[in-house]
C-alpha atoms as a PDB file:
ATOM      1  CA  MET A   1     219.335 -13.343 -76.277  1.00  0.00           C
ATOM      2  CA  GLY A   2     220.136 -10.794 -78.960  1.00  0.00           C
ATOM      3  CA  ASN A   3     220.536  -7.049 -78.860  1.00  0.00           C
ATOM      4  CA  TRP A   4     220.061  -5.356 -82.214  1.00  0.00           C
ATOM      5  CA  SER A   5     220.507  -1.660 -82.772  1.00  0.00           C
ATOM      6  CA  THR A   6     220.168   0.467 -85.868  1.00  0.00           C
ATOM      7  CA  ALA A   7     222.729   3.035 -86.864  1.00  0.00           C
ATOM      8  CA  ASN A   8     222.623   4.606 -90.319  1.00  0.00           C
ATOM      9  CA  GLY A   9     220.411   1.806 -91.609  1.00  0.00           C
ATOM     10  CA  SER A  10     222.763  -1.022 -90.631  1.00  0.00           C
ATOM     11  CA  PHE A  11     222.366  -3.532 -87.839  1.00  0.00           C
ATOM     12  CA  GLU A  12     224.824  -4.379 -85.140  1.00  0.00           C
ATOM     13  CA  CYS A  13     224.346  -7.545 -83.174  1.00  0.00           C
ATOM     14  CA  GLU A  14     225.521  -8.721 -79.805  1.00  0.00           C
ATOM     15  CA  ILE A  15     224.683 -12.170 -78.462  1.00  0.00           C
ATOM     16  CA  GLY A  16     225.773 -12.986 -74.942  1.00  0.00           C
ATOM     17  CA  GLY A  17     228.207 -10.064 -75.001  1.00  0.00           C
ATOM     18  CA  VAL A  18     229.878 -11.318 -78.198  1.00  0.00           C
ATOM     19  CA  GLU A  19     229.704  -9.139 -81.307  1.00  0.00           C
ATOM     20  CA  CYS A  20     228.496 -11.058 -84.364  1.00  0.00           C
ATOM     21  CA  ASP A  21     227.932 -10.526 -88.060  1.00  0.00           C
ATOM     22  CA  ILE A  22     224.625 -12.382 -88.378  1.00  0.00           C
ATOM     23  CA  PRO A  23     222.788  -9.272 -89.671  1.00  0.00           C
ATOM     24  CA  ARG A  24     225.338  -8.897 -92.476  1.00  0.00           C
ATOM     25  CA  GLN A  25     225.004 -12.603 -93.244  1.00  0.00           C
ATOM     26  CA  HIS A  26     221.254 -12.143 -93.532  1.00  0.00           C
ATOM     27  CA  GLU A  27     221.743  -9.394 -96.111  1.00  0.00           C
ATOM     28  CA  ILE A  28     224.155 -11.609 -98.093  1.00  0.00           C
ATOM     29  CA  ASP A  29     221.692 -14.510 -97.898  1.00  0.00           C
ATOM     30  CA  LEU A  30     218.776 -12.350 -99.050  1.00  0.00           C
ATOM     31  CA  ALA A  31     220.787 -11.158-102.067  1.00  0.00           C
ATOM     32  CA  LEU A  32     221.636 -14.787-102.867  1.00  0.00           C
ATOM     33  CA  CYS A  33     217.954 -15.735-102.542  1.00  0.00           C
ATOM     34  CA  ALA A  34     217.036 -12.990-105.024  1.00  0.00           C
ATOM     35  CA  ASP A  35     219.612 -14.320-107.509  1.00  0.00           C
ATOM     36  CA  LEU A  36     218.390 -17.906-107.057  1.00  0.00           C
ATOM     37  CA  GLU A  37     214.831 -16.722-107.623  1.00  0.00           C
ATOM     38  CA  GLY A  38     215.970 -14.966-110.803  1.00  0.00           C
ATOM     39  CA  LEU A  39     217.558 -18.199-111.988  1.00  0.00           C
ATOM     40  CA  ALA A  40     214.396 -20.183-111.214  1.00  0.00           C
ATOM     41  CA  ASP A  41     212.359 -17.615-113.177  1.00  0.00           C
ATOM     42  CA  THR A  42     214.546 -18.004-116.290  1.00  0.00           C
ATOM     43  CA  LEU A  43     214.391 -21.803-116.453  1.00  0.00           C
ATOM     44  CA  PRO A  44     214.469 -23.755-118.730  1.00  0.00           C
ATOM     45  CA  ASP A  45     217.107 -21.283-119.992  1.00  0.00           C
ATOM     46  CA  LEU A  46     220.358 -21.111-118.069  1.00  0.00           C
ATOM     47  CA  HIS A  47     222.847 -18.334-117.494  1.00  0.00           C
ATOM     48  CA  PRO A  48     226.253 -18.631-119.164  1.00  0.00           C
ATOM     49  CA  ASP A  49     228.693 -21.073-117.584  1.00  0.00           C
ATOM     50  CA  SER A  50     230.727 -18.305-115.880  1.00  0.00           C
ATOM     51  CA  ASP A  51     227.623 -16.770-114.256  1.00  0.00           C
ATOM     52  CA  LEU A  52     226.408 -20.164-113.110  1.00  0.00           C
ATOM     53  CA  ARG A  53     229.845 -20.965-111.685  1.00  0.00           C
ATOM     54  CA  ARG A  54     229.892 -17.711-109.670  1.00  0.00           C
ATOM     55  CA  LEU A  55     226.367 -18.348-108.395  1.00  0.00           C
ATOM     56  CA  THR A  56     227.139 -21.917-107.335  1.00  0.00           C
ATOM     57  CA  GLU A  57     230.347 -20.735-105.627  1.00  0.00           C
ATOM     58  CA  ARG A  58     228.302 -18.200-103.644  1.00  0.00           C
ATOM     59  CA  LEU A  59     225.779 -20.911-102.797  1.00  0.00           C
ATOM     60  CA  ARG A  60     228.516 -23.342-101.723  1.00  0.00           C
ATOM     61  CA  SER A  61     230.072 -20.649 -99.523  1.00  0.00           C
ATOM     62  CA  ALA A  62     226.684 -19.889 -97.956  1.00  0.00           C
ATOM     63  CA  ALA A  63     226.041 -23.595 -97.368  1.00  0.00           C
ATOM     64  CA  ALA A  64     229.374 -23.910 -95.565  1.00  0.00           C
ATOM     65  CA  ARG A  65     228.494 -20.903 -93.423  1.00  0.00           C
ATOM     66  CA  TRP A  66     224.996 -22.224 -92.652  1.00  0.00           C
ATOM     67  CA  GLY A  67     226.459 -25.502 -91.464  1.00  0.00           C
ATOM     68  CA  SER A  68     229.468 -24.071 -89.619  1.00  0.00           C
ATOM     69  CA  ASN A  69     229.874 -24.478 -85.882  1.00  0.00           C
ATOM     70  CA  GLU A  70     231.116 -20.899 -85.545  1.00  0.00           C
ATOM     71  CA  VAL A  71     227.730 -19.478 -86.460  1.00  0.00           C
ATOM     72  CA  THR A  72     225.682 -22.131 -84.735  1.00  0.00           C
ATOM     73  CA  ASP A  73     227.596 -21.845 -81.445  1.00  0.00           C
ATOM     74  CA  ARG A  74     226.514 -18.220 -81.175  1.00  0.00           C
ATOM     75  CA  MET A  75     222.912 -19.229 -81.830  1.00  0.00           C
ATOM     76  CA  ARG A  76     222.734 -22.223 -79.492  1.00  0.00           C
ATOM     77  CA  SER A  77     219.554 -20.872 -77.876  1.00  0.00           C
ATOM     78  CA  LEU A  78     217.803 -20.757 -81.256  1.00  0.00           C
ATOM     79  CA  GLU A  79     217.354 -24.483 -81.746  1.00  0.00           C
ATOM     80  CA  HIS A  80     214.854 -24.155 -84.616  1.00  0.00           C
ATOM     81  CA  ALA A  81     217.133 -21.693 -86.422  1.00  0.00           C
ATOM     82  CA  LEU A  82     220.021 -24.151 -86.140  1.00  0.00           C
ATOM     83  CA  ASP A  83     217.910 -26.895 -87.665  1.00  0.00           C
ATOM     84  CA  CYS A  84     216.897 -24.582 -90.528  1.00  0.00           C
ATOM     85  CA  ARG A  85     220.516 -23.605 -91.194  1.00  0.00           C
ATOM     86  CA  LEU A  86     221.663 -27.227 -91.340  1.00  0.00           C
ATOM     87  CA  LEU A  87     218.767 -28.257 -93.585  1.00  0.00           C
ATOM     88  CA  ASP A  88     219.436 -25.276 -95.873  1.00  0.00           C
ATOM     89  CA  ALA A  89     223.117 -26.260 -96.081  1.00  0.00           C
ATOM     90  CA  ILE A  90     222.231 -29.807 -97.126  1.00  0.00           C
ATOM     91  CA  HIS A  91     219.579 -28.593 -99.571  1.00  0.00           C
ATOM     92  CA  ALA A  92     222.039 -26.103-101.106  1.00  0.00           C
ATOM     93  CA  GLU A  93     224.499 -28.904-101.890  1.00  0.00           C
ATOM     94  CA  ASP A  94     221.690 -30.858-103.588  1.00  0.00           C
ATOM     95  CA  VAL A  95     220.715 -27.769-105.610  1.00  0.00           C
ATOM     96  CA  ILE A  96     224.313 -27.262-106.753  1.00  0.00           C
ATOM     97  CA  ASP A  97     224.509 -30.877-107.941  1.00  0.00           C
ATOM     98  CA  ALA A  98     221.151 -30.562-109.735  1.00  0.00           C
ATOM     99  CA  LEU A  99     222.189 -27.266-111.395  1.00  0.00           C
ATOM    100  CA  TRP A 100     225.325 -28.756-112.898  1.00  0.00           C
ATOM    101  CA  ALA A 101     223.526 -31.949-113.939  1.00  0.00           C
ATOM    102  CA  TYR A 102     220.925 -29.818-115.723  1.00  0.00           C
ATOM    103  CA  TRP A 103     223.646 -27.664-117.299  1.00  0.00           C
ATOM    104  CA  ARG A 104     225.297 -30.793-118.731  1.00  0.00           C
ATOM    105  CA  LYS A 105     222.054 -32.281-120.083  1.00  0.00           C
ATOM    106  CA  PRO A 106     218.962 -30.035-119.895  1.00  0.00           C
ATOM    107  CA  THR A 107     215.504 -31.593-120.102  1.00  0.00           C
ATOM    108  CA  HIS A 108     212.056 -30.108-119.540  1.00  0.00           C
ATOM    109  CA  THR A 109     211.346 -32.435-116.602  1.00  0.00           C
ATOM    110  CA  ASP A 110     214.663 -31.573-114.975  1.00  0.00           C
ATOM    111  CA  ALA A 111     213.951 -27.850-115.408  1.00  0.00           C
ATOM    112  CA  GLU A 112     210.685 -28.212-113.480  1.00  0.00           C
ATOM    113  CA  CYS A 113     212.402 -30.208-110.735  1.00  0.00           C
ATOM    114  CA  LEU A 114     215.276 -27.719-110.528  1.00  0.00           C
ATOM    115  CA  SER A 115     212.877 -24.779-110.389  1.00  0.00           C
ATOM    116  CA  TYR A 116     211.025 -26.443-107.508  1.00  0.00           C
ATOM    117  CA  MET A 117     214.300 -27.145-105.665  1.00  0.00           C
ATOM    118  CA  LEU A 118     215.489 -23.552-106.102  1.00  0.00           C
ATOM    119  CA  ARG A 119     212.173 -22.130-104.885  1.00  0.00           C
ATOM    120  CA  ALA A 120     212.110 -24.442-101.872  1.00  0.00           C
ATOM    121  CA  LEU A 121     215.647 -23.359-100.974  1.00  0.00           C
ATOM    122  CA  PHE A 122     215.218 -19.596-101.239  1.00  0.00           C
ATOM    123  CA  ASP A 123     211.736 -19.613 -99.679  1.00  0.00           C
ATOM    124  CA  GLY A 124     213.002 -21.735 -96.789  1.00  0.00           C
ATOM    125  CA  ARG A 125     216.073 -19.559 -96.296  1.00  0.00           C
ATOM    126  CA  ARG A 126     213.966 -16.396 -96.242  1.00  0.00           C
ATOM    127  CA  ARG A 127     211.714 -17.963 -93.597  1.00  0.00           C
ATOM    128  CA  ALA A 128     214.748 -19.014 -91.553  1.00  0.00           C
ATOM    129  CA  ILE A 129     216.111 -15.459 -91.694  1.00  0.00           C
ATOM    130  CA  ALA A 130     212.776 -14.081 -90.515  1.00  0.00           C
ATOM    131  CA  ILE A 131     212.749 -16.565 -87.604  1.00  0.00           C
ATOM    132  CA  GLU A 132     216.349 -15.724 -86.659  1.00  0.00           C
ATOM    133  CA  ARG A 133     215.661 -11.994 -86.761  1.00  0.00           C
ATOM    134  CA  LEU A 134     212.568 -12.348 -84.614  1.00  0.00           C
ATOM    135  CA  ALA A 135     214.327 -14.596 -82.108  1.00  0.00           C
ATOM    136  CA  LEU A 136     217.286 -12.225 -81.884  1.00  0.00           C
ATOM    137  CA  GLY A 137     214.981  -9.272 -81.272  1.00  0.00           C
ATOM    138  CA  CYS A 138     215.271  -7.423 -84.548  1.00  0.00           C
ATOM    139  CA  SER A 139     211.834  -5.864 -84.639  1.00  0.00           C
ATOM    140  CA  ASP A 140     212.482  -3.411 -87.472  1.00  0.00           C
ATOM    141  CA  CYS A 141     214.004  -5.741 -90.053  1.00  0.00           C
ATOM    142  CA  GLN A 142     211.322  -8.425 -90.380  1.00  0.00           C
ATOM    143  CA  SER A 143     209.751  -7.169 -93.583  1.00  0.00           C
ATOM    144  CA  SER A 144     212.903  -7.373 -95.689  1.00  0.00           C
ATOM    145  CA  ALA A 145     213.420 -11.013 -94.724  1.00  0.00           C
ATOM    146  CA  THR A 146     209.958 -12.072 -95.803  1.00  0.00           C
ATOM    147  CA  ASP A 147     209.658 -10.106 -99.089  1.00  0.00           C
END
């Protein structure tokens, strides 16, 4: 399956003899989850348009990565992780649409719905990262994925 090694606090990954950047992607995803959680915590207030645009661009990029064949081909043996990635990609697109709809016309009910959607996305993504790390044999990085 996976062979993870630590060197100077970073992780290198090899799956089936092919070097991959999944550990780096996990760190990017965890940072995104923290920012999405921060957004959910500030609702019903929203960040300025430029901040929201940058956040949704990062989320759209992550969604494309989660649904890409390049990543999933390397993880073919992790069927559950593939399902989580695809579901997260679809959910991310729904969150982006809901964010911009709320930005155009904010209501209290929509803020509660958006907060729930954001929390479901970042909680689910953190769980998926923990599952991927366990399945790939990363025994010393589990705690940061579940914080």
